[in-house]
C-alpha atoms as a PDB file:
ATOM      1  CA  UNK A   1      52.083 -46.378 -75.903  1.00  0.00           C
ATOM      2  CA  UNK A   2      52.600 -44.236 -72.658  1.00  0.00           C
ATOM      3  CA  UNK A   3      51.392 -41.094 -74.553  1.00  0.00           C
ATOM      4  CA  UNK A   4      48.315 -42.793 -75.818  1.00  0.00           C
ATOM      5  CA  UNK A   5      47.616 -43.861 -72.498  1.00  0.00           C
ATOM      6  CA  UNK A   6      48.154 -40.273 -70.907  1.00  0.00           C
ATOM      7  CA  UNK A   7      45.606 -39.321 -73.537  1.00  0.00           C
ATOM      8  CA  UNK A   8      42.533 -41.006 -72.385  1.00  0.00           C
ATOM      9  CA  UNK A   9      43.511 -40.201 -68.769  1.00  0.00           C
ATOM     10  CA  UNK A  10      42.962 -36.477 -69.442  1.00  0.00           C
ATOM     11  CA  UNK A  11      40.179 -37.531 -71.634  1.00  0.00           C
ATOM     12  CA  UNK A  12      38.852 -39.278 -68.446  1.00  0.00           C
ATOM     13  CA  UNK A  13      39.230 -35.979 -65.845  1.00  0.00           C
ATOM     14  CA  UNK A  14      36.433 -33.799 -65.307  1.00  0.00           C
ATOM     15  CA  UNK A  15      36.565 -30.526 -67.648  1.00  0.00           C
ATOM     16  CA  UNK A  16      36.007 -28.534 -64.897  1.00  0.00           C
ATOM     17  CA  UNK A  17      38.866 -29.896 -62.225  1.00  0.00           C
ATOM     18  CA  UNK A  18      40.827 -28.808 -65.642  1.00  0.00           C
ATOM     19  CA  UNK A  19      39.489 -25.348 -65.943  1.00  0.00           C
ATOM     20  CA  UNK A  20      39.974 -24.867 -62.032  1.00  0.00           C
ATOM     21  CA  UNK A  21      43.559 -26.177 -62.187  1.00  0.00           C
ATOM     22  CA  UNK A  22      43.582 -22.933 -64.418  1.00  0.00           C
ATOM     23  CA  UNK A  23      41.979 -20.202 -62.584  1.00  0.00           C
ATOM     24  CA  UNK A  24      44.565 -18.148 -60.267  1.00  0.00           C
ATOM     25  CA  UNK A  25      44.332 -17.134 -57.209  1.00  0.00           C
ATOM     26  CA  UNK A  26      43.436 -13.350 -58.510  1.00  0.00           C
ATOM     27  CA  UNK A  27      40.881 -14.176 -60.192  1.00  0.00           C
ATOM     28  CA  UNK A  28      38.218 -15.876 -56.831  1.00  0.00           C
ATOM     29  CA  UNK A  29      36.638 -13.098 -55.711  1.00  0.00           C
ATOM     30  CA  UNK A  30      35.019 -13.320 -52.509  1.00  0.00           C
ATOM     31  CA  UNK A  31      31.936 -13.992 -52.450  1.00  0.00           C
ATOM     32  CA  UNK A  32      29.310 -12.674 -50.180  1.00  0.00           C
ATOM     33  CA  UNK A  33      27.716 -15.332 -47.781  1.00  0.00           C
ATOM     34  CA  UNK A  34      24.089 -15.123 -47.455  1.00  0.00           C
ATOM     35  CA  UNK A  35      24.213 -16.860 -43.736  1.00  0.00           C
ATOM     36  CA  UNK A  36      25.985 -13.621 -42.973  1.00  0.00           C
ATOM     37  CA  UNK A  37      24.083 -11.411 -44.328  1.00  0.00           C
ATOM     38  CA  UNK A  38      21.370 -13.409 -42.457  1.00  0.00           C
ATOM     39  CA  UNK A  39      23.433 -13.166 -38.540  1.00  0.00           C
ATOM     40  CA  UNK A  40      24.241  -9.390 -39.490  1.00  0.00           C
ATOM     41  CA  UNK A  41      20.349  -7.962 -39.567  1.00  0.00           C
ATOM     42  CA  UNK A  42      19.617 -10.509 -36.943  1.00  0.00           C
ATOM     43  CA  UNK A  43      23.072  -8.048 -34.448  1.00  0.00           C
ATOM     44  CA  UNK A  44      20.796  -5.260 -36.035  1.00  0.00           C
ATOM     45  CA  UNK A  45      17.457  -6.616 -34.924  1.00  0.00           C
ATOM     46  CA  UNK A  46      19.221  -6.911 -30.884  1.00  0.00           C
ATOM     47  CA  UNK A  47      20.794  -4.312 -30.629  1.00  0.00           C
ATOM     48  CA  UNK A  48      18.187  -2.427 -31.734  1.00  0.00           C
ATOM     49  CA  UNK A  49      15.911  -4.069 -28.893  1.00  0.00           C
ATOM     50  CA  UNK A  50      18.838  -3.468 -26.539  1.00  0.00           C
ATOM     51  CA  UNK A  51      18.566  -0.482 -27.039  1.00  0.00           C
ATOM     52  CA  UNK A  52      14.564   0.456 -26.996  1.00  0.00           C
ATOM     53  CA  UNK A  53      14.885  -1.317 -23.602  1.00  0.00           C
ATOM     54  CA  UNK A  54      17.783   0.281 -21.946  1.00  0.00           C
ATOM     55  CA  UNK A  55      15.861   3.546 -22.714  1.00  0.00           C
ATOM     56  CA  UNK A  56      12.712   2.607 -21.015  1.00  0.00           C
ATOM     57  CA  UNK A  57      14.731   1.211 -18.083  1.00  0.00           C
ATOM     58  CA  UNK A  58      16.096   5.130 -17.634  1.00  0.00           C
ATOM     59  CA  UNK A  59      13.111   6.562 -18.446  1.00  0.00           C
ATOM     60  CA  UNK A  60      11.650   4.741 -15.822  1.00  0.00           C
ATOM     61  CA  UNK A  61      13.894   4.852 -13.349  1.00  0.00           C
ATOM     62  CA  UNK A  62      14.532   8.672 -14.207  1.00  0.00           C
ATOM     63  CA  UNK A  63      10.204   8.412 -13.404  1.00  0.00           C
ATOM     64  CA  UNK A  64      10.860   6.785 -10.074  1.00  0.00           C
ATOM     65  CA  UNK A  65      13.625   8.551  -8.347  1.00  0.00           C
ATOM     66  CA  UNK A  66      11.445  11.569  -9.285  1.00  0.00           C
ATOM     67  CA  UNK A  67       8.080  10.494  -7.825  1.00  0.00           C
ATOM     68  CA  UNK A  68      10.286   9.373  -4.686  1.00  0.00           C
ATOM     69  CA  UNK A  69      11.925  12.710  -4.142  1.00  0.00           C
ATOM     70  CA  UNK A  70       8.464  14.428  -4.768  1.00  0.00           C
ATOM     71  CA  UNK A  71       7.019  12.336  -1.926  1.00  0.00           C
ATOM     72  CA  UNK A  72      10.194  13.019   0.077  1.00  0.00           C
ATOM     73  CA  UNK A  73       9.451  16.854  -0.366  1.00  0.00           C
ATOM     74  CA  UNK A  74       6.035  16.233   0.806  1.00  0.00           C
ATOM     75  CA  UNK A  75       6.797  13.690   3.895  1.00  0.00           C
ATOM     76  CA  UNK A  76       9.772  16.623   4.811  1.00  0.00           C
ATOM     77  CA  UNK A  77       6.563  19.287   5.081  1.00  0.00           C
ATOM     78  CA  UNK A  78       4.425  17.706   7.018  1.00  0.00           C
ATOM     79  CA  UNK A  79       6.680  16.162   8.985  1.00  0.00           C
ATOM     80  CA  UNK A  80       8.116  19.396   9.951  1.00  0.00           C
ATOM     81  CA  UNK A  81       3.908  20.726  10.059  1.00  0.00           C
ATOM     82  CA  UNK A  82       3.220  17.636  12.458  1.00  0.00           C
ATOM     83  CA  UNK A  83       5.936  18.884  14.836  1.00  0.00           C
ATOM     84  CA  UNK A  84       5.068  22.241  15.038  1.00  0.00           C
ATOM     85  CA  UNK A  85       1.174  20.754  15.306  1.00  0.00           C
ATOM     86  CA  UNK A  86       2.336  18.626  18.484  1.00  0.00           C
ATOM     87  CA  UNK A  87       4.854  20.932  19.605  1.00  0.00           C
ATOM     88  CA  UNK A  88       4.533  21.610  23.201  1.00  0.00           C
ATOM     89  CA  UNK A  89       2.862  24.926  23.816  1.00  0.00           C
ATOM     90  CA  UNK A  90       4.880  26.395  26.462  1.00  0.00           C
ATOM     91  CA  UNK A  91       7.719  26.612  24.101  1.00  0.00           C
ATOM     92  CA  UNK A  92       5.569  26.864  20.660  1.00  0.00           C
ATOM     93  CA  UNK A  93       8.028  28.765  17.631  1.00  0.00           C
ATOM     94  CA  UNK A  94       6.360  29.232  14.324  1.00  0.00           C
ATOM     95  CA  UNK A  95       8.998  27.993  11.823  1.00  0.00           C
ATOM     96  CA  UNK A  96       6.629  29.898   9.098  1.00  0.00           C
ATOM     97  CA  UNK A  97       7.311  33.466  10.160  1.00  0.00           C
ATOM     98  CA  UNK A  98       5.380  35.933  13.180  1.00  0.00           C
ATOM     99  CA  UNK A  99       2.026  35.455  13.793  1.00  0.00           C
ATOM    100  CA  UNK A 100       0.289  38.540  13.320  1.00  0.00           C
ATOM    101  CA  UNK A 101      -2.943  39.107  15.644  1.00  0.00           C
ATOM    102  CA  UNK A 102      -5.882  41.986  15.530  1.00  0.00           C
ATOM    103  CA  UNK A 103      -9.083  42.728  16.238  1.00  0.00           C
ATOM    104  CA  UNK A 104     -10.562  42.088  12.858  1.00  0.00           C
ATOM    105  CA  UNK A 105      -8.375  37.941  12.875  1.00  0.00           C
ATOM    106  CA  UNK A 106     -10.421  35.678  13.902  1.00  0.00           C
ATOM    107  CA  UNK A 107      -8.689  34.426  16.248  1.00  0.00           C
ATOM    108  CA  UNK A 108      -7.822  37.011  17.473  1.00  0.00           C
ATOM    109  CA  UNK A 109      -8.557  35.901  20.731  1.00  0.00           C
ATOM    110  CA  UNK A 110      -5.186  33.548  21.546  1.00  0.00           C
ATOM    111  CA  UNK A 111      -2.993  36.779  21.593  1.00  0.00           C
ATOM    112  CA  UNK A 112       0.262  35.598  23.534  1.00  0.00           C
ATOM    113  CA  UNK A 113      -1.332  37.510  26.585  1.00  0.00           C
ATOM    114  CA  UNK A 114      -4.527  35.468  26.237  1.00  0.00           C
ATOM    115  CA  UNK A 115      -5.914  35.026  29.599  1.00  0.00           C
ATOM    116  CA  UNK A 116      -5.790  38.619  30.271  1.00  0.00           C
ATOM    117  CA  UNK A 117      -7.427  39.265  26.579  1.00  0.00           C
ATOM    118  CA  UNK A 118     -10.123  37.930  27.349  1.00  0.00           C
ATOM    119  CA  UNK A 119     -12.228  41.684  27.674  1.00  0.00           C
ATOM    120  CA  UNK A 120     -10.409  44.045  25.760  1.00  0.00           C
ATOM    121  CA  UNK A 121     -11.612  47.879  26.632  1.00  0.00           C
ATOM    122  CA  UNK A 122     -10.484  50.914  24.846  1.00  0.00           C
ATOM    123  CA  UNK A 123      -9.012  53.649  26.651  1.00  0.00           C
ATOM    124  CA  UNK A 124     -12.470  55.015  26.960  1.00  0.00           C
ATOM    125  CA  UNK A 125     -13.522  52.051  28.693  1.00  0.00           C
ATOM    126  CA  UNK A 126     -15.920  50.707  26.086  1.00  0.00           C
ATOM    127  CA  UNK A 127     -15.990  46.810  25.383  1.00  0.00           C
ATOM    128  CA  UNK A 128     -14.995  46.459  22.248  1.00  0.00           C
ATOM    129  CA  UNK A 129     -14.286  42.140  22.401  1.00  0.00           C
ATOM    130  CA  UNK A 130     -15.333  40.143  24.863  1.00  0.00           C
ATOM    131  CA  UNK A 131     -15.043  35.692  24.722  1.00  0.00           C
ATOM    132  CA  UNK A 132     -14.904  32.818  26.900  1.00  0.00           C
ATOM    133  CA  UNK A 133     -11.985  31.700  27.804  1.00  0.00           C
ATOM    134  CA  UNK A 134     -10.425  28.853  25.872  1.00  0.00           C
ATOM    135  CA  UNK A 135      -8.611  25.924  27.902  1.00  0.00           C
ATOM    136  CA  UNK A 136      -4.692  26.084  27.594  1.00  0.00           C
ATOM    137  CA  UNK A 137      -5.331  23.376  25.307  1.00  0.00           C
ATOM    138  CA  UNK A 138      -7.524  25.319  23.116  1.00  0.00           C
ATOM    139  CA  UNK A 139      -5.535  28.714  22.689  1.00  0.00           C
ATOM    140  CA  UNK A 140      -1.946  26.863  21.851  1.00  0.00           C
ATOM    141  CA  UNK A 141      -4.122  24.919  19.822  1.00  0.00           C
ATOM    142  CA  UNK A 142      -5.640  28.085  17.992  1.00  0.00           C
ATOM    143  CA  UNK A 143      -2.030  30.185  17.148  1.00  0.00           C
ATOM    144  CA  UNK A 144      -0.650  26.744  15.880  1.00  0.00           C
ATOM    145  CA  UNK A 145      -3.767  26.664  13.513  1.00  0.00           C
ATOM    146  CA  UNK A 146      -3.369  30.251  12.606  1.00  0.00           C
ATOM    147  CA  UNK A 147       0.491  30.403  12.180  1.00  0.00           C
ATOM    148  CA  UNK A 148      -0.194  27.440   9.655  1.00  0.00           C
ATOM    149  CA  UNK A 149      -2.839  29.800   8.193  1.00  0.00           C
ATOM    150  CA  UNK A 150      -0.493  32.086   6.979  1.00  0.00           C
ATOM    151  CA  UNK A 151       0.846  29.583   4.788  1.00  0.00           C
ATOM    152  CA  UNK A 152      -2.414  28.350   3.788  1.00  0.00           C
ATOM    153  CA  UNK A 153      -6.006  30.406   3.607  1.00  0.00           C
ATOM    154  CA  UNK A 154      -7.226  27.444   2.673  1.00  0.00           C
ATOM    155  CA  UNK A 155      -6.650  25.877   5.647  1.00  0.00           C
ATOM    156  CA  UNK A 156      -9.865  24.075   7.894  1.00  0.00           C
ATOM    157  CA  UNK A 157      -8.136  22.209  10.968  1.00  0.00           C
ATOM    158  CA  UNK A 158      -5.474  19.518  11.746  1.00  0.00           C
ATOM    159  CA  UNK A 159      -6.437  15.817  11.746  1.00  0.00           C
ATOM    160  CA  UNK A 160      -5.491  13.185  13.487  1.00  0.00           C
ATOM    161  CA  UNK A 161      -6.326   8.801  14.586  1.00  0.00           C
ATOM    162  CA  UNK A 162      -4.472   7.279  16.498  1.00  0.00           C
ATOM    163  CA  UNK A 163      -1.755   4.901  16.274  1.00  0.00           C
ATOM    164  CA  UNK A 164      -1.821   5.660  12.717  1.00  0.00           C
ATOM    165  CA  UNK A 165       0.067   7.749   9.864  1.00  0.00           C
ATOM    166  CA  UNK A 166      -2.954  10.094  10.036  1.00  0.00           C
ATOM    167  CA  UNK A 167      -1.723  13.325  11.282  1.00  0.00           C
ATOM    168  CA  UNK A 168      -2.152  16.006   8.552  1.00  0.00           C
ATOM    169  CA  UNK A 169      -3.365  19.221   8.018  1.00  0.00           C
ATOM    170  CA  UNK A 170      -7.101  19.929   6.097  1.00  0.00           C
ATOM    171  CA  UNK A 171      -8.001  22.726   3.287  1.00  0.00           C
ATOM    172  CA  UNK A 172     -10.617  23.406   1.670  1.00  0.00           C
ATOM    173  CA  UNK A 173     -10.498  24.061  -2.446  1.00  0.00           C
ATOM    174  CA  UNK A 174     -12.624  25.819  -4.895  1.00  0.00           C
ATOM    175  CA  UNK A 175     -12.876  22.314  -6.642  1.00  0.00           C
ATOM    176  CA  UNK A 176     -12.425  18.210  -5.944  1.00  0.00           C
ATOM    177  CA  UNK A 177      -9.239  17.882  -7.654  1.00  0.00           C
ATOM    178  CA  UNK A 178      -6.570  20.790  -6.674  1.00  0.00           C
ATOM    179  CA  UNK A 179      -4.905  19.181  -3.786  1.00  0.00           C
ATOM    180  CA  UNK A 180      -4.830  15.528  -5.382  1.00  0.00           C
ATOM    181  CA  UNK A 181      -2.207  16.904  -7.201  1.00  0.00           C
ATOM    182  CA  UNK A 182      -0.589  20.381  -4.772  1.00  0.00           C
ATOM    183  CA  UNK A 183       0.741  19.975  -1.528  1.00  0.00           C
ATOM    184  CA  UNK A 184      -0.433  22.750   1.572  1.00  0.00           C
ATOM    185  CA  UNK A 185       2.423  25.259  -0.248  1.00  0.00           C
ATOM    186  CA  UNK A 186       0.543  25.082  -3.389  1.00  0.00           C
ATOM    187  CA  UNK A 187       3.185  23.048  -4.876  1.00  0.00           C
ATOM    188  CA  UNK A 188       2.991  20.112  -7.705  1.00  0.00           C
ATOM    189  CA  UNK A 189       3.220  16.816  -5.195  1.00  0.00           C
ATOM    190  CA  UNK A 190       1.366  13.178  -6.156  1.00  0.00           C
ATOM    191  CA  UNK A 191       1.109  13.258  -2.534  1.00  0.00           C
ATOM    192  CA  UNK A 192      -1.723  16.030  -2.513  1.00  0.00           C
ATOM    193  CA  UNK A 193      -3.175  17.309   0.754  1.00  0.00           C
ATOM    194  CA  UNK A 194      -5.679  15.954   3.030  1.00  0.00           C
ATOM    195  CA  UNK A 195      -8.948  17.723   1.643  1.00  0.00           C
ATOM    196  CA  UNK A 196     -13.060  18.680   2.342  1.00  0.00           C
ATOM    197  CA  UNK A 197     -15.115  18.713  -0.533  1.00  0.00           C
ATOM    198  CA  UNK A 198     -15.403  21.561  -1.912  1.00  0.00           C
ATOM    199  CA  UNK A 199     -19.581  21.159  -1.548  1.00  0.00           C
ATOM    200  CA  UNK A 200     -19.220  21.098   2.153  1.00  0.00           C
ATOM    201  CA  UNK A 201     -18.539  24.217   4.352  1.00  0.00           C
ATOM    202  CA  UNK A 202     -14.917  24.748   6.136  1.00  0.00           C
ATOM    203  CA  UNK A 203     -17.077  25.145   9.315  1.00  0.00           C
ATOM    204  CA  UNK A 204     -17.716  22.054  10.408  1.00  0.00           C
ATOM    205  CA  UNK A 205     -21.109  23.136  12.559  1.00  0.00           C
ATOM    206  CA  UNK A 206     -23.107  23.430   9.010  1.00  0.00           C
ATOM    207  CA  UNK A 207     -22.782  20.555   7.329  1.00  0.00           C
ATOM    208  CA  UNK A 208     -24.858  16.882   8.262  1.00  0.00           C
ATOM    209  CA  UNK A 209     -22.000  14.666   6.269  1.00  0.00           C
ATOM    210  CA  UNK A 210     -18.287  16.516   6.713  1.00  0.00           C
ATOM    211  CA  UNK A 211     -16.178  14.744   3.359  1.00  0.00           C
ATOM    212  CA  UNK A 212     -12.528  14.732   3.933  1.00  0.00           C
ATOM    213  CA  UNK A 213     -10.480  12.460   0.857  1.00  0.00           C
ATOM    214  CA  UNK A 214      -6.733  11.793   0.785  1.00  0.00           C
ATOM    215  CA  UNK A 215      -4.599   9.844  -1.697  1.00  0.00           C
ATOM    216  CA  UNK A 216      -3.941   5.480  -0.315  1.00  0.00           C
ATOM    217  CA  UNK A 217      -0.170   5.584  -0.887  1.00  0.00           C
ATOM    218  CA  UNK A 218       2.021   2.571  -1.245  1.00  0.00           C
ATOM    219  CA  UNK A 219       4.569   4.628   0.761  1.00  0.00           C
ATOM    220  CA  UNK A 220       2.587   4.667   3.406  1.00  0.00           C
ATOM    221  CA  UNK A 221       1.374   8.026   4.023  1.00  0.00           C
ATOM    222  CA  UNK A 222      -1.701  10.424   3.910  1.00  0.00           C
ATOM    223  CA  UNK A 223      -4.915   7.933   3.742  1.00  0.00           C
ATOM    224  CA  UNK A 224      -3.275   4.826   3.753  1.00  0.00           C
ATOM    225  CA  UNK A 225      -3.989   3.930   7.407  1.00  0.00           C
ATOM    226  CA  UNK A 226      -7.420   3.822   7.062  1.00  0.00           C
ATOM    227  CA  UNK A 227      -7.077  -0.217   5.419  1.00  0.00           C
ATOM    228  CA  UNK A 228      -5.870  -1.128   9.035  1.00  0.00           C
ATOM    229  CA  UNK A 229      -9.683  -0.654  10.757  1.00  0.00           C
ATOM    230  CA  UNK A 230     -10.139  -3.661   8.510  1.00  0.00           C
ATOM    231  CA  UNK A 231      -8.926  -5.436  11.438  1.00  0.00           C
ATOM    232  CA  UNK A 232     -11.117  -6.068  14.110  1.00  0.00           C
ATOM    233  CA  UNK A 233      -9.089  -5.154  17.107  1.00  0.00           C
ATOM    234  CA  UNK A 234      -8.040  -2.491  15.602  1.00  0.00           C
ATOM    235  CA  UNK A 235     -11.339  -0.855  14.931  1.00  0.00           C
ATOM    236  CA  UNK A 236     -12.274  -2.022  18.487  1.00  0.00           C
ATOM    237  CA  UNK A 237      -9.121   0.154  20.109  1.00  0.00           C
ATOM    238  CA  UNK A 238      -9.473   2.661  17.766  1.00  0.00           C
ATOM    239  CA  UNK A 239     -12.827   4.248  17.096  1.00  0.00           C
ATOM    240  CA  UNK A 240     -11.903   8.372  17.758  1.00  0.00           C
ATOM    241  CA  UNK A 241     -11.723  10.927  14.254  1.00  0.00           C
ATOM    242  CA  UNK A 242     -10.069  13.821  15.995  1.00  0.00           C
ATOM    243  CA  UNK A 243      -9.744  17.360  14.219  1.00  0.00           C
ATOM    244  CA  UNK A 244      -8.848  20.141  16.005  1.00  0.00           C
ATOM    245  CA  UNK A 245     -10.860  23.921  14.574  1.00  0.00           C
ATOM    246  CA  UNK A 246     -10.319  27.432  16.332  1.00  0.00           C
ATOM    247  CA  UNK A 247     -13.913  26.509  17.297  1.00  0.00           C
ATOM    248  CA  UNK A 248     -12.632  23.286  18.963  1.00  0.00           C
ATOM    249  CA  UNK A 249     -11.601  19.277  19.059  1.00  0.00           C
ATOM    250  CA  UNK A 250     -14.413  17.447  16.985  1.00  0.00           C
ATOM    251  CA  UNK A 251     -14.032  14.176  18.486  1.00  0.00           C
ATOM    252  CA  UNK A 252     -16.133  11.548  16.077  1.00  0.00           C
ATOM    253  CA  UNK A 253     -16.657   7.839  16.935  1.00  0.00           C
ATOM    254  CA  UNK A 254     -16.653   5.526  14.215  1.00  0.00           C
ATOM    255  CA  UNK A 255     -19.679   3.558  13.472  1.00  0.00           C
ATOM    256  CA  UNK A 256     -19.083   2.461   9.363  1.00  0.00           C
ATOM    257  CA  UNK A 257     -15.820   0.878   7.815  1.00  0.00           C
ATOM    258  CA  UNK A 258     -16.613  -0.511   4.227  1.00  0.00           C
ATOM    259  CA  UNK A 259     -15.297  -0.895   1.072  1.00  0.00           C
ATOM    260  CA  UNK A 260     -18.131   0.499  -1.420  1.00  0.00           C
ATOM    261  CA  UNK A 261     -18.587   1.165  -4.660  1.00  0.00           C
ATOM    262  CA  UNK A 262     -17.898   4.968  -6.354  1.00  0.00           C
ATOM    263  CA  UNK A 263     -21.962   4.566  -7.366  1.00  0.00           C
ATOM    264  CA  UNK A 264     -23.079   4.622  -3.755  1.00  0.00           C
ATOM    265  CA  UNK A 265     -23.849   8.047  -2.825  1.00  0.00           C
ATOM    266  CA  UNK A 266     -21.467   7.727   0.578  1.00  0.00           C
ATOM    267  CA  UNK A 267     -20.797  11.384  -0.054  1.00  0.00           C
ATOM    268  CA  UNK A 268     -23.961  12.947   0.001  1.00  0.00           C
ATOM    269  CA  UNK A 269     -23.723  16.291   1.440  1.00  0.00           C
ATOM    270  CA  UNK A 270     -27.429  18.003   0.393  1.00  0.00           C
ATOM    271  CA  UNK A 271     -30.796  16.401   2.359  1.00  0.00           C
ATOM    272  CA  UNK A 272     -33.616  17.979   1.870  1.00  0.00           C
ATOM    273  CA  UNK A 273     -34.628  17.764   5.633  1.00  0.00           C
ATOM    274  CA  UNK A 274     -33.207  16.473   8.995  1.00  0.00           C
ATOM    275  CA  UNK A 275     -35.295  12.828   8.143  1.00  0.00           C
ATOM    276  CA  UNK A 276     -33.753  12.323   5.310  1.00  0.00           C
ATOM    277  CA  UNK A 277     -29.861  12.715   6.984  1.00  0.00           C
ATOM    278  CA  UNK A 278     -31.029  10.318   9.967  1.00  0.00           C
ATOM    279  CA  UNK A 279     -32.269   8.067   7.084  1.00  0.00           C
ATOM    280  CA  UNK A 280     -28.952   7.870   5.013  1.00  0.00           C
ATOM    281  CA  UNK A 281     -26.157   7.518   8.342  1.00  0.00           C
ATOM    282  CA  UNK A 282     -28.546   4.491   9.399  1.00  0.00           C
ATOM    283  CA  UNK A 283     -28.095   3.707   5.372  1.00  0.00           C
ATOM    284  CA  UNK A 284     -24.300   3.555   5.767  1.00  0.00           C
ATOM    285  CA  UNK A 285     -24.425   2.310   9.212  1.00  0.00           C
ATOM    286  CA  UNK A 286     -26.063  -1.396   7.674  1.00  0.00           C
ATOM    287  CA  UNK A 287     -22.306  -1.080   4.882  1.00  0.00           C
ATOM    288  CA  UNK A 288     -20.321  -1.785   8.194  1.00  0.00           C
ATOM    289  CA  UNK A 289     -18.212  -4.678   8.441  1.00  0.00           C
ATOM    290  CA  UNK A 290     -19.125  -4.149  12.148  1.00  0.00           C
ATOM    291  CA  UNK A 291     -22.236  -4.167  14.041  1.00  0.00           C
ATOM    292  CA  UNK A 292     -22.350  -0.948  16.545  1.00  0.00           C
ATOM    293  CA  UNK A 293     -24.733   0.883  19.008  1.00  0.00           C
ATOM    294  CA  UNK A 294     -25.118   4.089  17.024  1.00  0.00           C
ATOM    295  CA  UNK A 295     -28.004   6.060  16.783  1.00  0.00           C
ATOM    296  CA  UNK A 296     -28.609   9.454  14.672  1.00  0.00           C
ATOM    297  CA  UNK A 297     -31.180  12.068  15.232  1.00  0.00           C
ATOM    298  CA  UNK A 298     -31.728  15.077  13.164  1.00  0.00           C
ATOM    299  CA  UNK A 299     -29.016  17.157  15.187  1.00  0.00           C
ATOM    300  CA  UNK A 300     -26.264  14.731  14.284  1.00  0.00           C
ATOM    301  CA  UNK A 301     -23.379  15.323  12.771  1.00  0.00           C
ATOM    302  CA  UNK A 302     -21.116  12.797  10.478  1.00  0.00           C
ATOM    303  CA  UNK A 303     -17.283  12.309   9.430  1.00  0.00           C
ATOM    304  CA  UNK A 304     -16.885  10.899   5.844  1.00  0.00           C
ATOM    305  CA  UNK A 305     -13.675   9.698   5.495  1.00  0.00           C
ATOM    306  CA  UNK A 306     -12.619   8.631   1.665  1.00  0.00           C
ATOM    307  CA  UNK A 307     -10.067   6.962   0.087  1.00  0.00           C
ATOM    308  CA  UNK A 308      -8.948   4.369  -3.268  1.00  0.00           C
ATOM    309  CA  UNK A 309      -8.371   0.800  -1.920  1.00  0.00           C
ATOM    310  CA  UNK A 310      -5.523   0.300  -4.358  1.00  0.00           C
ATOM    311  CA  UNK A 311      -7.436  -2.282  -6.268  1.00  0.00           C
ATOM    312  CA  UNK A 312      -7.659  -3.001  -9.545  1.00  0.00           C
ATOM    313  CA  UNK A 313     -10.989  -2.078  -9.546  1.00  0.00           C
ATOM    314  CA  UNK A 314     -11.041   2.191  -9.870  1.00  0.00           C
ATOM    315  CA  UNK A 315     -14.749   2.201  -9.144  1.00  0.00           C
ATOM    316  CA  UNK A 316     -14.255   1.332  -5.755  1.00  0.00           C
ATOM    317  CA  UNK A 317     -13.200   3.170  -2.390  1.00  0.00           C
ATOM    318  CA  UNK A 318     -12.706   3.180   1.454  1.00  0.00           C
ATOM    319  CA  UNK A 319     -15.113   4.069   3.790  1.00  0.00           C
ATOM    320  CA  UNK A 320     -14.951   5.107   6.746  1.00  0.00           C
ATOM    321  CA  UNK A 321     -17.971   7.019   8.763  1.00  0.00           C
ATOM    322  CA  UNK A 322     -17.893   8.645  12.096  1.00  0.00           C
ATOM    323  CA  UNK A 323     -20.390  10.524  14.177  1.00  0.00           C
ATOM    324  CA  UNK A 324     -19.587  14.127  16.156  1.00  0.00           C
ATOM    325  CA  UNK A 325     -19.414  13.321  20.104  1.00  0.00           C
ATOM    326  CA  UNK A 326     -17.637  16.080  21.369  1.00  0.00           C
ATOM    327  CA  UNK A 327     -16.327  19.375  20.598  1.00  0.00           C
ATOM    328  CA  UNK A 328     -14.261  20.026  23.270  1.00  0.00           C
ATOM    329  CA  UNK A 329     -13.288  23.872  23.801  1.00  0.00           C
END
């Protein structure tokens, strides 16, 4: 009876369970989990993205460090030059080498004993050079400009604006591109150099409209301080721009502060006659944020300072224009 009951129980057990009982542990082959495959692929993608962004970060840091190094190098050079240019003439020392003068030198008049060299005579008594007496300030300025010109023959002069960072040498190249990315010493530099439009003459007297360009840098150097003129109080208190040249100190008075489109021909250099220049000057004056009583004639000269606005619109420029009001000798 018991045997019969056992047989009935066995017949009621699922055959699959009976087969499982017969399986040995050595017969079990680990199954590959599809879920684990998914996690593995996710890890690969995650690692790939991490590696990508890490590479981008490292490259960005390298570029930033390189740029900072580049800017610092340029700043050091210009600081050294500014120290030279603004040094006391009596204690003037040229860090760029000894200044050599000759009777063929455009700055011959600033020999060390200039006061006694206004009239230079040969042993025979014949006068070979005669010049007007410069002020002591101009004697020192000419010597300093000559010293700087030994470093770069493209030097035109030096520009200064009170209460701004603008205190730099000004050069004139063969185009309007080279000095956008080259320093005064011709090394590659993102900050570039302050430079005159290549269509102008290096002699400011020959230009109706002398155009000077400079970068507007986020680090606050070169022409970045031109944006200060968009505050009326600053404009009222700092209207003069000074350009030092071997011919004299050119003093300009600002009459136009504006943000212009590059489609506006504010950098016009050629005028068919004096009347066209006068019309141009008054038209530019009409664009200014501030009203002035500046008047123009066909004998006047103006200075145009141009830089980027650092806005998203690459077609905009800051334009600061000034009229020549004095030349100090």
